[in-house]
Amino acid sequence: MGNRLSQIATRTGDDGTTGLGDNSRVPKDHLRVHAMGDVDELNSQIGVLLCEPMPEAVRELLVDVQHQLFNLGGELSMPGFTLLKPEALLQIDAALAAHNAALPRLAEFILPAGTRAASLAHVCRTIARRAERAVVALGAVEELNDAPRQYLNRLSDLLFVLARVLNRMNGGDDVYWKSERMARAAAAAATGVAQEDDQGGPR
């Protein structure tokens, strides 16, 4: 590992292959490399998200997620090896339950929008889903542990919840999808209020 860190430009990948953690080499378009790359992209995008203001508890959680994603990527790079521990899944589950419990229940779909921090969290969520798909594709042809797939699945849910948390950080709210059903319900409610007013009802 020391040699790898001290010599960045090795030129060994000029032939279109890359080295795995077990010293084997595979084509750079191999399913395993796709999965590793998507996890690396997700980790990098979380680093961008961490540049934004956010509650300290959320920041500490995301920093730990970065470490766990590094472990996950390392596990993918070494076939047959285990680096991601069960505790990582338990932490995601606990954080998801805690943050979701503090949010109002969703009655309609929301858009991936709002504050810059929330929008970046949604970008991270979509990359997590892509990384999960890549891991599932790899698992269909090679034996993998369950933890990487499960972690990415639950992490994408957590990032959705954290986007809602970040939108509310300064008194904001979710950005709701303007569906036809909601529009009809709002129109019906407005009509009902108008009828009550005409009849001398509550104002």
N, C-alpha and C. Protein backbone atom coordinates (compact mmCIF):
# COMPACT_ATOMS: atom_id res chain seq x y z
N MET A 1 0.83 -1.20 0.00
CA MET A 1 0.00 0.00 0.00
C MET A 1 0.86 1.26 0.00
N GLY A 2 1.99 1.22 0.74
CA GLY A 2 2.86 2.39 0.78
C GLY A 2 3.38 2.76 -0.60
N ASN A 3 3.75 1.76 -1.40
CA ASN A 3 4.23 2.05 -2.74
C ASN A 3 3.12 2.66 -3.60
N ARG A 4 1.89 2.18 -3.40
CA ARG A 4 0.79 2.71 -4.20
C ARG A 4 0.54 4.18 -3.87
N LEU A 5 0.65 4.53 -2.60
CA LEU A 5 0.38 5.91 -2.19
C LEU A 5 1.49 6.85 -2.63
N SER A 6 2.70 6.39 -2.70
CA SER A 6 3.82 7.27 -3.04
C SER A 6 4.02 7.40 -4.55
N GLN A 7 3.48 6.47 -5.31
CA GLN A 7 3.64 6.53 -6.76
C GLN A 7 2.25 6.56 -7.39
N ILE A 8 1.79 7.77 -7.72
CA ILE A 8 0.42 7.95 -8.21
C ILE A 8 0.33 7.61 -9.70
N ALA A 9 1.26 8.13 -10.51
CA ALA A 9 1.23 7.90 -11.95
C ALA A 9 2.06 6.65 -12.27
N THR A 10 1.43 5.48 -12.22
CA THR A 10 2.17 4.23 -12.45
C THR A 10 2.21 3.82 -13.92
N ARG A 11 1.26 4.33 -14.70
CA ARG A 11 1.12 4.02 -16.13
C ARG A 11 0.72 2.56 -16.37
N THR A 12 0.47 1.80 -15.31
CA THR A 12 0.10 0.41 -15.50
C THR A 12 -1.30 0.27 -16.08
N GLY A 13 -2.10 1.34 -15.99
CA GLY A 13 -3.45 1.29 -16.54
C GLY A 13 -3.55 1.76 -17.97
N ASP A 14 -2.42 2.06 -18.59
CA ASP A 14 -2.45 2.54 -19.97
C ASP A 14 -3.00 1.50 -20.94
N ASP A 15 -2.98 0.24 -20.54
CA ASP A 15 -3.47 -0.81 -21.43
C ASP A 15 -4.97 -1.06 -21.27
N GLY A 16 -5.64 -0.23 -20.44
CA GLY A 16 -7.08 -0.39 -20.26
C GLY A 16 -7.46 -1.34 -19.16
N THR A 17 -6.49 -1.74 -18.32
CA THR A 17 -6.79 -2.60 -17.19
C THR A 17 -6.47 -1.84 -15.90
N THR A 18 -6.98 -2.38 -14.78
CA THR A 18 -6.68 -1.78 -13.48
C THR A 18 -6.46 -2.89 -12.47
N GLY A 19 -5.69 -2.58 -11.44
CA GLY A 19 -5.36 -3.58 -10.44
C GLY A 19 -6.37 -3.59 -9.30
N LEU A 20 -6.72 -4.79 -8.83
CA LEU A 20 -7.58 -4.93 -7.67
C LEU A 20 -6.72 -5.13 -6.42
N GLY A 21 -7.37 -5.15 -5.28
CA GLY A 21 -6.65 -5.27 -4.02
C GLY A 21 -5.94 -6.59 -3.83
N ASP A 22 -6.34 -7.61 -4.57
CA ASP A 22 -5.67 -8.92 -4.47
C ASP A 22 -4.57 -9.08 -5.51
N ASN A 23 -4.19 -7.96 -6.14
CA ASN A 23 -3.12 -7.91 -7.14
C ASN A 23 -3.51 -8.50 -8.50
N SER A 24 -4.77 -8.88 -8.67
CA SER A 24 -5.22 -9.30 -9.99
C SER A 24 -5.54 -8.05 -10.81
N ARG A 25 -5.66 -8.22 -12.12
CA ARG A 25 -5.97 -7.09 -13.00
C ARG A 25 -7.20 -7.44 -13.82
N VAL A 26 -8.06 -6.44 -14.00
CA VAL A 26 -9.30 -6.62 -14.76
C VAL A 26 -9.46 -5.44 -15.71
N PRO A 27 -10.25 -5.58 -16.77
CA PRO A 27 -10.52 -4.44 -17.65
C PRO A 27 -11.21 -3.31 -16.88
N LYS A 28 -10.97 -2.09 -17.28
CA LYS A 28 -11.52 -0.95 -16.58
C LYS A 28 -13.03 -0.82 -16.74
N ASP A 29 -13.62 -1.58 -17.67
CA ASP A 29 -15.07 -1.58 -17.80
C ASP A 29 -15.69 -2.81 -17.13
N HIS A 30 -14.94 -3.48 -16.29
CA HIS A 30 -15.44 -4.64 -15.55
C HIS A 30 -16.53 -4.18 -14.58
N LEU A 31 -17.52 -5.05 -14.33
CA LEU A 31 -18.61 -4.70 -13.42
C LEU A 31 -18.10 -4.32 -12.03
N ARG A 32 -17.05 -4.96 -11.59
CA ARG A 32 -16.49 -4.64 -10.27
C ARG A 32 -15.92 -3.23 -10.26
N VAL A 33 -15.29 -2.84 -11.34
CA VAL A 33 -14.72 -1.50 -11.42
C VAL A 33 -15.83 -0.45 -11.50
N HIS A 34 -16.91 -0.76 -12.22
CA HIS A 34 -18.06 0.14 -12.26
C HIS A 34 -18.59 0.38 -10.84
N ALA A 35 -18.75 -0.70 -10.08
CA ALA A 35 -19.26 -0.57 -8.72
C ALA A 35 -18.31 0.24 -7.84
N MET A 36 -17.02 -0.04 -7.94
CA MET A 36 -16.03 0.72 -7.16
C MET A 36 -16.07 2.19 -7.54
N GLY A 37 -16.19 2.47 -8.83
CA GLY A 37 -16.21 3.86 -9.29
C GLY A 37 -17.44 4.62 -8.81
N ASP A 38 -18.58 3.96 -8.81
CA ASP A 38 -19.81 4.62 -8.35
C ASP A 38 -19.74 4.91 -6.86
N VAL A 39 -19.16 3.99 -6.09
CA VAL A 39 -19.00 4.22 -4.65
C VAL A 39 -18.02 5.37 -4.41
N ASP A 40 -16.96 5.43 -5.19
CA ASP A 40 -15.98 6.52 -5.08
C ASP A 40 -16.63 7.85 -5.43
N GLU A 41 -17.46 7.87 -6.48
CA GLU A 41 -18.15 9.10 -6.86
C GLU A 41 -19.11 9.55 -5.75
N LEU A 42 -19.82 8.60 -5.16
CA LEU A 42 -20.73 8.92 -4.06
C LEU A 42 -19.97 9.54 -2.90
N ASN A 43 -18.83 8.94 -2.54
CA ASN A 43 -18.03 9.46 -1.44
C ASN A 43 -17.54 10.87 -1.74
N SER A 44 -17.14 11.10 -2.98
CA SER A 44 -16.65 12.42 -3.38
C SER A 44 -17.78 13.46 -3.32
N GLN A 45 -18.97 13.06 -3.74
CA GLN A 45 -20.09 13.99 -3.74
C GLN A 45 -20.53 14.31 -2.31
N ILE A 46 -20.42 13.35 -1.41
CA ILE A 46 -20.71 13.64 -0.01
C ILE A 46 -19.70 14.64 0.53
N GLY A 47 -18.45 14.55 0.05
CA GLY A 47 -17.45 15.55 0.42
C GLY A 47 -17.85 16.95 0.00
N VAL A 48 -18.48 17.07 -1.17
CA VAL A 48 -18.98 18.38 -1.61
C VAL A 48 -20.12 18.83 -0.71
N LEU A 49 -21.02 17.92 -0.38
CA LEU A 49 -22.13 18.25 0.52
C LEU A 49 -21.61 18.75 1.86
N LEU A 50 -20.53 18.17 2.35
CA LEU A 50 -19.98 18.57 3.64
C LEU A 50 -19.40 19.99 3.64
N CYS A 51 -19.25 20.59 2.47
CA CYS A 51 -18.80 21.98 2.40
C CYS A 51 -19.91 22.96 2.78
N GLU A 52 -21.14 22.46 2.85
CA GLU A 52 -22.30 23.31 3.15
C GLU A 52 -22.55 23.41 4.65
N PRO A 53 -23.18 24.51 5.11
CA PRO A 53 -23.58 24.59 6.52
C PRO A 53 -24.62 23.51 6.82
N MET A 54 -24.53 22.92 8.00
CA MET A 54 -25.48 21.89 8.40
C MET A 54 -25.36 21.66 9.90
N PRO A 55 -26.37 21.05 10.51
CA PRO A 55 -26.25 20.73 11.94
C PRO A 55 -25.05 19.83 12.20
N GLU A 56 -24.41 20.02 13.35
CA GLU A 56 -23.18 19.28 13.64
C GLU A 56 -23.43 17.78 13.69
N ALA A 57 -24.60 17.37 14.17
CA ALA A 57 -24.89 15.93 14.24
C ALA A 57 -24.97 15.33 12.84
N VAL A 58 -25.52 16.08 11.89
CA VAL A 58 -25.59 15.59 10.51
C VAL A 58 -24.20 15.54 9.91
N ARG A 59 -23.38 16.54 10.21
CA ARG A 59 -22.00 16.56 9.69
C ARG A 59 -21.21 15.35 10.20
N GLU A 60 -21.30 15.08 11.49
CA GLU A 60 -20.57 13.95 12.05
C GLU A 60 -21.04 12.63 11.44
N LEU A 61 -22.34 12.52 11.20
CA LEU A 61 -22.89 11.32 10.59
C LEU A 61 -22.33 11.13 9.18
N LEU A 62 -22.31 12.20 8.39
CA LEU A 62 -21.84 12.10 7.01
C LEU A 62 -20.34 11.82 6.93
N VAL A 63 -19.59 12.37 7.86
CA VAL A 63 -18.15 12.07 7.89
C VAL A 63 -17.93 10.59 8.15
N ASP A 64 -18.71 10.03 9.07
CA ASP A 64 -18.58 8.59 9.33
C ASP A 64 -19.02 7.78 8.11
N VAL A 65 -20.06 8.24 7.43
CA VAL A 65 -20.51 7.57 6.20
C VAL A 65 -19.37 7.52 5.18
N GLN A 66 -18.62 8.62 5.08
CA GLN A 66 -17.49 8.62 4.15
C GLN A 66 -16.48 7.52 4.49
N HIS A 67 -16.20 7.34 5.78
CA HIS A 67 -15.28 6.29 6.18
C HIS A 67 -15.84 4.91 5.84
N GLN A 68 -17.15 4.73 6.08
CA GLN A 68 -17.76 3.44 5.78
C GLN A 68 -17.78 3.16 4.27
N LEU A 69 -17.99 4.20 3.48
CA LEU A 69 -17.96 4.02 2.03
C LEU A 69 -16.55 3.65 1.55
N PHE A 70 -15.54 4.20 2.23
CA PHE A 70 -14.17 3.82 1.89
C PHE A 70 -13.95 2.34 2.18
N ASN A 71 -14.49 1.87 3.32
CA ASN A 71 -14.42 0.44 3.63
C ASN A 71 -15.18 -0.38 2.59
N LEU A 72 -16.34 0.12 2.19
CA LEU A 72 -17.15 -0.59 1.20
C LEU A 72 -16.40 -0.71 -0.12
N GLY A 73 -15.79 0.39 -0.55
CA GLY A 73 -15.02 0.37 -1.79
C GLY A 73 -13.83 -0.58 -1.69
N GLY A 74 -13.19 -0.60 -0.51
CA GLY A 74 -12.08 -1.53 -0.30
C GLY A 74 -12.52 -2.97 -0.38
N GLU A 75 -13.71 -3.25 0.17
CA GLU A 75 -14.23 -4.61 0.09
C GLU A 75 -14.51 -5.01 -1.35
N LEU A 76 -15.05 -4.09 -2.13
CA LEU A 76 -15.31 -4.38 -3.54
C LEU A 76 -14.01 -4.61 -4.31
N SER A 77 -12.94 -3.96 -3.88
CA SER A 77 -11.67 -4.07 -4.61
C SER A 77 -10.91 -5.35 -4.29
N MET A 78 -11.37 -6.08 -3.25
CA MET A 78 -10.68 -7.30 -2.86
C MET A 78 -11.67 -8.45 -2.83
N PRO A 79 -11.84 -9.16 -3.92
CA PRO A 79 -12.81 -10.26 -3.98
C PRO A 79 -12.65 -11.24 -2.82
N GLY A 80 -13.77 -11.56 -2.16
CA GLY A 80 -13.75 -12.51 -1.06
C GLY A 80 -13.38 -11.93 0.28
N PHE A 81 -13.14 -10.61 0.34
CA PHE A 81 -12.71 -9.97 1.58
C PHE A 81 -13.89 -9.24 2.22
N THR A 82 -13.83 -9.05 3.54
CA THR A 82 -14.88 -8.33 4.27
C THR A 82 -14.26 -7.15 5.01
N LEU A 83 -14.76 -5.96 4.74
CA LEU A 83 -14.31 -4.76 5.45
C LEU A 83 -15.47 -4.01 6.12
N LEU A 84 -16.63 -4.04 5.49
CA LEU A 84 -17.79 -3.32 6.03
C LEU A 84 -18.41 -4.16 7.15
N LYS A 85 -18.45 -3.60 8.36
CA LYS A 85 -18.91 -4.33 9.53
C LYS A 85 -20.42 -4.17 9.72
N PRO A 86 -21.06 -5.12 10.43
CA PRO A 86 -22.51 -5.02 10.71
C PRO A 86 -22.88 -3.73 11.44
N GLU A 87 -21.95 -3.20 12.25
CA GLU A 87 -22.24 -1.98 12.99
C GLU A 87 -22.54 -0.81 12.06
N ALA A 88 -21.96 -0.83 10.86
CA ALA A 88 -22.21 0.26 9.91
C ALA A 88 -23.67 0.29 9.49
N LEU A 89 -24.26 -0.89 9.28
CA LEU A 89 -25.68 -0.97 8.92
C LEU A 89 -26.55 -0.52 10.08
N LEU A 90 -26.19 -0.92 11.30
CA LEU A 90 -26.97 -0.53 12.47
C LEU A 90 -26.96 0.98 12.67
N GLN A 91 -25.82 1.60 12.39
CA GLN A 91 -25.73 3.06 12.54
C GLN A 91 -26.65 3.76 11.55
N ILE A 92 -26.68 3.27 10.31
CA ILE A 92 -27.56 3.87 9.31
C ILE A 92 -29.02 3.71 9.73
N ASP A 93 -29.38 2.52 10.20
CA ASP A 93 -30.76 2.28 10.63
C ASP A 93 -31.15 3.21 11.77
N ALA A 94 -30.26 3.38 12.76
CA ALA A 94 -30.56 4.24 13.90
C ALA A 94 -30.70 5.69 13.49
N ALA A 95 -29.80 6.16 12.61
CA ALA A 95 -29.86 7.54 12.15
C ALA A 95 -31.12 7.79 11.33
N LEU A 96 -31.47 6.82 10.50
CA LEU A 96 -32.67 6.95 9.67
C LEU A 96 -33.91 7.05 10.55
N ALA A 97 -34.00 6.20 11.56
CA ALA A 97 -35.17 6.22 12.44
C ALA A 97 -35.24 7.53 13.23
N ALA A 98 -34.10 8.00 13.73
CA ALA A 98 -34.09 9.20 14.55
C ALA A 98 -34.46 10.44 13.75
N HIS A 99 -33.87 10.62 12.58
CA HIS A 99 -34.13 11.82 11.78
C HIS A 99 -35.53 11.78 11.17
N ASN A 100 -35.97 10.61 10.74
CA ASN A 100 -37.29 10.51 10.12
C ASN A 100 -38.40 10.78 11.13
N ALA A 101 -38.19 10.36 12.39
CA ALA A 101 -39.20 10.57 13.43
C ALA A 101 -39.44 12.04 13.72
N ALA A 102 -38.44 12.87 13.46
CA ALA A 102 -38.55 14.30 13.74
C ALA A 102 -39.16 15.09 12.59
N LEU A 103 -39.46 14.42 11.47
CA LEU A 103 -40.00 15.11 10.29
C LEU A 103 -41.51 14.91 10.18
N PRO A 104 -42.21 15.89 9.60
CA PRO A 104 -43.65 15.69 9.35
C PRO A 104 -43.87 14.60 8.31
N ARG A 105 -44.97 13.90 8.45
CA ARG A 105 -45.26 12.81 7.52
C ARG A 105 -45.53 13.36 6.13
N LEU A 106 -45.00 12.70 5.11
CA LEU A 106 -45.20 13.15 3.73
C LEU A 106 -46.57 12.73 3.23
N ALA A 107 -47.32 13.69 2.67
CA ALA A 107 -48.62 13.39 2.07
C ALA A 107 -48.55 13.40 0.55
N GLU A 108 -47.41 13.86 0.01
CA GLU A 108 -47.26 13.95 -1.43
C GLU A 108 -45.78 13.81 -1.78
N PHE A 109 -45.49 13.54 -3.04
CA PHE A 109 -44.10 13.45 -3.49
C PHE A 109 -43.43 14.81 -3.40
N ILE A 110 -42.11 14.79 -3.19
CA ILE A 110 -41.36 16.04 -3.16
C ILE A 110 -40.34 16.04 -4.30
N LEU A 111 -39.96 17.24 -4.71
CA LEU A 111 -38.95 17.40 -5.75
C LEU A 111 -37.55 17.43 -5.13
N PRO A 112 -36.53 17.02 -5.86
CA PRO A 112 -35.16 17.10 -5.36
C PRO A 112 -34.66 18.54 -5.47
N ALA A 113 -35.13 19.38 -4.57
CA ALA A 113 -34.87 20.81 -4.65
C ALA A 113 -34.91 21.43 -3.26
N GLY A 114 -34.79 22.75 -3.22
CA GLY A 114 -34.81 23.48 -1.96
C GLY A 114 -33.51 24.23 -1.77
N THR A 115 -32.90 24.07 -0.61
CA THR A 115 -31.62 24.72 -0.36
C THR A 115 -30.52 24.00 -1.13
N ARG A 116 -29.37 24.66 -1.25
CA ARG A 116 -28.25 24.04 -1.93
C ARG A 116 -27.83 22.74 -1.22
N ALA A 117 -27.78 22.77 0.10
CA ALA A 117 -27.38 21.58 0.85
C ALA A 117 -28.35 20.43 0.61
N ALA A 118 -29.65 20.72 0.66
CA ALA A 118 -30.66 19.68 0.44
C ALA A 118 -30.56 19.13 -0.98
N SER A 119 -30.35 20.01 -1.95
CA SER A 119 -30.24 19.56 -3.34
C SER A 119 -29.02 18.67 -3.54
N LEU A 120 -27.92 19.02 -2.89
CA LEU A 120 -26.72 18.18 -2.97
C LEU A 120 -26.95 16.82 -2.31
N ALA A 121 -27.73 16.81 -1.22
CA ALA A 121 -28.06 15.53 -0.59
C ALA A 121 -28.88 14.66 -1.53
N HIS A 122 -29.76 15.28 -2.31
CA HIS A 122 -30.53 14.51 -3.29
C HIS A 122 -29.62 13.97 -4.40
N VAL A 123 -28.62 14.75 -4.81
CA VAL A 123 -27.66 14.25 -5.80
C VAL A 123 -26.93 13.03 -5.23
N CYS A 124 -26.51 13.12 -3.97
CA CYS A 124 -25.86 11.98 -3.32
C CYS A 124 -26.79 10.77 -3.29
N ARG A 125 -28.07 11.02 -3.03
CA ARG A 125 -29.05 9.92 -2.99
C ARG A 125 -29.12 9.20 -4.34
N THR A 126 -29.15 9.96 -5.42
CA THR A 126 -29.26 9.32 -6.74
C THR A 126 -27.99 8.55 -7.10
N ILE A 127 -26.84 9.06 -6.68
CA ILE A 127 -25.59 8.33 -6.93
C ILE A 127 -25.55 7.06 -6.09
N ALA A 128 -26.07 7.13 -4.87
CA ALA A 128 -26.14 5.93 -4.02
C ALA A 128 -26.99 4.86 -4.68
N ARG A 129 -28.10 5.26 -5.31
CA ARG A 129 -28.95 4.29 -6.01
C ARG A 129 -28.21 3.68 -7.21
N ARG A 130 -27.44 4.51 -7.92
CA ARG A 130 -26.66 3.99 -9.05
C ARG A 130 -25.59 3.01 -8.57
N ALA A 131 -24.94 3.37 -7.47
CA ALA A 131 -23.93 2.47 -6.90
C ALA A 131 -24.57 1.16 -6.46
N GLU A 132 -25.76 1.25 -5.90
CA GLU A 132 -26.47 0.03 -5.50
C GLU A 132 -26.78 -0.85 -6.71
N ARG A 133 -27.22 -0.23 -7.79
CA ARG A 133 -27.51 -1.01 -9.01
C ARG A 133 -26.25 -1.69 -9.53
N ALA A 134 -25.12 -0.98 -9.45
CA ALA A 134 -23.86 -1.56 -9.92
C ALA A 134 -23.45 -2.75 -9.06
N VAL A 135 -23.66 -2.64 -7.75
CA VAL A 135 -23.32 -3.74 -6.86
C VAL A 135 -24.25 -4.93 -7.11
N VAL A 136 -25.53 -4.65 -7.34
CA VAL A 136 -26.47 -5.73 -7.65
C VAL A 136 -26.06 -6.44 -8.95
N ALA A 137 -25.68 -5.67 -9.96
CA ALA A 137 -25.25 -6.26 -11.23
C ALA A 137 -24.02 -7.14 -11.03
N LEU A 138 -23.07 -6.67 -10.23
CA LEU A 138 -21.87 -7.46 -9.95
C LEU A 138 -22.23 -8.72 -9.19
N GLY A 139 -23.14 -8.60 -8.23
CA GLY A 139 -23.54 -9.74 -7.43
C GLY A 139 -24.26 -10.82 -8.22
N ALA A 140 -24.78 -10.45 -9.39
CA ALA A 140 -25.47 -11.43 -10.23
C ALA A 140 -24.49 -12.37 -10.92
N VAL A 141 -23.22 -11.95 -11.02
CA VAL A 141 -22.23 -12.77 -11.74
C VAL A 141 -21.07 -13.21 -10.85
N GLU A 142 -20.90 -12.55 -9.70
CA GLU A 142 -19.83 -12.93 -8.78
C GLU A 142 -20.39 -12.95 -7.36
N GLU A 143 -19.82 -13.78 -6.52
CA GLU A 143 -20.29 -13.87 -5.13
C GLU A 143 -19.84 -12.65 -4.35
N LEU A 144 -20.82 -11.98 -3.70
CA LEU A 144 -20.55 -10.80 -2.88
C LEU A 144 -21.20 -10.96 -1.52
N ASN A 145 -20.66 -10.26 -0.53
CA ASN A 145 -21.33 -10.17 0.75
C ASN A 145 -22.61 -9.35 0.60
N ASP A 146 -23.54 -9.54 1.51
CA ASP A 146 -24.80 -8.79 1.46
C ASP A 146 -24.63 -7.35 1.92
N ALA A 147 -23.68 -7.11 2.81
CA ALA A 147 -23.57 -5.80 3.46
C ALA A 147 -23.41 -4.62 2.50
N PRO A 148 -22.55 -4.69 1.47
CA PRO A 148 -22.42 -3.54 0.57
C PRO A 148 -23.74 -3.15 -0.09
N ARG A 149 -24.47 -4.14 -0.58
CA ARG A 149 -25.76 -3.85 -1.21
C ARG A 149 -26.75 -3.25 -0.21
N GLN A 150 -26.82 -3.83 0.98
CA GLN A 150 -27.75 -3.36 2.00
C GLN A 150 -27.38 -1.96 2.48
N TYR A 151 -26.09 -1.71 2.63
CA TYR A 151 -25.65 -0.39 3.11
C TYR A 151 -26.05 0.70 2.12
N LEU A 152 -25.81 0.46 0.85
CA LEU A 152 -26.14 1.48 -0.16
C LEU A 152 -27.63 1.70 -0.26
N ASN A 153 -28.41 0.64 -0.12
CA ASN A 153 -29.86 0.77 -0.16
C ASN A 153 -30.36 1.65 0.99
N ARG A 154 -29.88 1.38 2.18
CA ARG A 154 -30.33 2.14 3.35
C ARG A 154 -29.75 3.55 3.36
N LEU A 155 -28.53 3.69 2.83
CA LEU A 155 -27.92 5.02 2.77
C LEU A 155 -28.71 5.94 1.85
N SER A 156 -29.20 5.43 0.74
CA SER A 156 -29.98 6.27 -0.16
C SER A 156 -31.25 6.77 0.53
N ASP A 157 -31.87 5.90 1.35
CA ASP A 157 -33.04 6.33 2.13
C ASP A 157 -32.65 7.42 3.13
N LEU A 158 -31.51 7.22 3.79
CA LEU A 158 -31.05 8.20 4.77
C LEU A 158 -30.78 9.55 4.11
N LEU A 159 -30.18 9.54 2.93
CA LEU A 159 -29.88 10.80 2.24
C LEU A 159 -31.16 11.53 1.86
N PHE A 160 -32.20 10.79 1.51
CA PHE A 160 -33.50 11.42 1.24
C PHE A 160 -34.02 12.13 2.49
N VAL A 161 -33.93 11.44 3.62
CA VAL A 161 -34.39 12.02 4.88
C VAL A 161 -33.52 13.23 5.26
N LEU A 162 -32.20 13.12 5.09
CA LEU A 162 -31.32 14.23 5.43
C LEU A 162 -31.57 15.44 4.54
N ALA A 163 -31.96 15.21 3.29
CA ALA A 163 -32.32 16.34 2.41
C ALA A 163 -33.50 17.10 3.01
N ARG A 164 -34.48 16.39 3.55
CA ARG A 164 -35.62 17.03 4.19
C ARG A 164 -35.18 17.78 5.45
N VAL A 165 -34.27 17.18 6.21
CA VAL A 165 -33.74 17.84 7.40
C VAL A 165 -33.02 19.14 7.02
N LEU A 166 -32.21 19.08 5.98
CA LEU A 166 -31.44 20.25 5.57
C LEU A 166 -32.33 21.35 5.01
N ASN A 167 -33.44 20.99 4.37
CA ASN A 167 -34.38 22.00 3.89
C ASN A 167 -35.05 22.74 5.03
N ARG A 168 -35.13 22.13 6.19
CA ARG A 168 -35.79 22.75 7.34
C ARG A 168 -34.81 23.44 8.28
N MET A 169 -33.54 23.42 7.94
CA MET A 169 -32.52 23.93 8.86
C MET A 169 -32.77 25.38 9.25
N ASN A 170 -33.23 26.20 8.33
CA ASN A 170 -33.49 27.63 8.61
C ASN A 170 -34.97 27.97 8.43
N GLY A 171 -35.81 27.05 8.84
CA GLY A 171 -37.24 27.30 8.77
C GLY A 171 -37.87 27.03 7.42
N GLY A 172 -37.19 26.34 6.53
CA GLY A 172 -37.73 26.06 5.20
C GLY A 172 -38.64 24.84 5.21
N ASP A 173 -38.92 24.33 4.03
CA ASP A 173 -39.82 23.19 3.89
C ASP A 173 -39.44 22.41 2.64
N ASP A 174 -40.08 21.25 2.46
CA ASP A 174 -39.89 20.49 1.25
C ASP A 174 -40.47 21.24 0.06
N VAL A 175 -40.00 20.91 -1.13
CA VAL A 175 -40.56 21.45 -2.38
C VAL A 175 -41.46 20.36 -2.96
N TYR A 176 -42.76 20.61 -2.92
CA TYR A 176 -43.71 19.55 -3.27
C TYR A 176 -44.00 19.53 -4.77
N TRP A 177 -44.20 18.33 -5.27
CA TRP A 177 -44.63 18.11 -6.64
C TRP A 177 -46.07 18.57 -6.78
N LYS A 178 -46.34 19.39 -7.77
CA LYS A 178 -47.70 19.91 -7.98
C LYS A 178 -48.48 18.92 -8.84
N SER A 179 -49.05 17.93 -8.18
CA SER A 179 -49.80 16.91 -8.91
C SER A 179 -51.22 17.39 -9.18
N GLU A 180 -51.86 16.79 -10.18
CA GLU A 180 -53.24 17.15 -10.50
C GLU A 180 -54.16 16.80 -9.33
N ARG A 181 -53.88 15.71 -8.63
CA ARG A 181 -54.72 15.33 -7.51
C ARG A 181 -54.68 16.39 -6.42
N MET A 182 -53.49 16.90 -6.13
CA MET A 182 -53.38 17.95 -5.11
C MET A 182 -54.11 19.21 -5.54
N ALA A 183 -53.99 19.54 -6.84
CA ALA A 183 -54.64 20.74 -7.35
C ALA A 183 -56.16 20.62 -7.22
N ARG A 184 -56.70 19.44 -7.54
CA ARG A 184 -58.14 19.23 -7.42
C ARG A 184 -58.59 19.31 -5.96
N ALA A 185 -57.79 18.73 -5.07
CA ALA A 185 -58.14 18.77 -3.65
C ALA A 185 -58.12 20.19 -3.12
N ALA A 186 -57.11 20.98 -3.56
CA ALA A 186 -57.03 22.37 -3.12
C ALA A 186 -58.20 23.17 -3.66
N ALA A 187 -58.58 22.92 -4.92
CA ALA A 187 -59.71 23.64 -5.52
C ALA A 187 -61.01 23.29 -4.81
N ALA A 188 -61.17 22.00 -4.48
CA ALA A 188 -62.37 21.57 -3.77
C ALA A 188 -62.43 22.20 -2.39
N ALA A 189 -61.28 22.26 -1.71
CA ALA A 189 -61.25 22.87 -0.38
C ALA A 189 -61.58 24.35 -0.46
N ALA A 190 -61.03 25.03 -1.49
CA ALA A 190 -61.31 26.46 -1.65
C ALA A 190 -62.78 26.70 -1.96
N THR A 191 -63.38 25.84 -2.76
CA THR A 191 -64.80 25.95 -3.09
C THR A 191 -65.64 25.77 -1.84
N GLY A 192 -65.26 24.83 -0.99
CA GLY A 192 -66.00 24.58 0.25
C GLY A 192 -65.95 25.77 1.17
N VAL A 193 -64.80 26.42 1.28
CA VAL A 193 -64.66 27.62 2.12
C VAL A 193 -65.53 28.75 1.57
N ALA A 194 -65.51 28.89 0.24
CA ALA A 194 -66.30 29.95 -0.38
C ALA A 194 -67.78 29.75 -0.12
N GLN A 195 -68.24 28.50 -0.19
CA GLN A 195 -69.65 28.22 0.07
C GLN A 195 -70.01 28.53 1.51
N GLU A 196 -69.12 28.21 2.45
CA GLU A 196 -69.38 28.53 3.85
C GLU A 196 -69.48 30.04 4.05
N ASP A 197 -68.61 30.80 3.36
CA ASP A 197 -68.64 32.25 3.47
C ASP A 197 -69.98 32.79 2.95
N ASP A 198 -70.43 32.28 1.79
CA ASP A 198 -71.68 32.75 1.20
C ASP A 198 -72.86 32.49 2.11
N GLN A 199 -72.77 31.41 2.92
CA GLN A 199 -73.87 31.03 3.78
C GLN A 199 -73.73 31.61 5.18
N GLY A 200 -72.77 32.49 5.33
CA GLY A 200 -72.57 33.10 6.63
C GLY A 200 -71.87 32.20 7.62
N GLY A 201 -71.15 31.21 7.10
CA GLY A 201 -70.45 30.25 7.95
C GLY A 201 -69.18 30.83 8.51
N PRO A 202 -68.38 29.96 9.09
CA PRO A 202 -67.13 30.40 9.71
C PRO A 202 -66.23 31.10 8.72
N ARG A 203 -65.53 32.11 9.19
CA ARG A 203 -64.61 32.86 8.34
C ARG A 203 -63.21 32.77 8.91
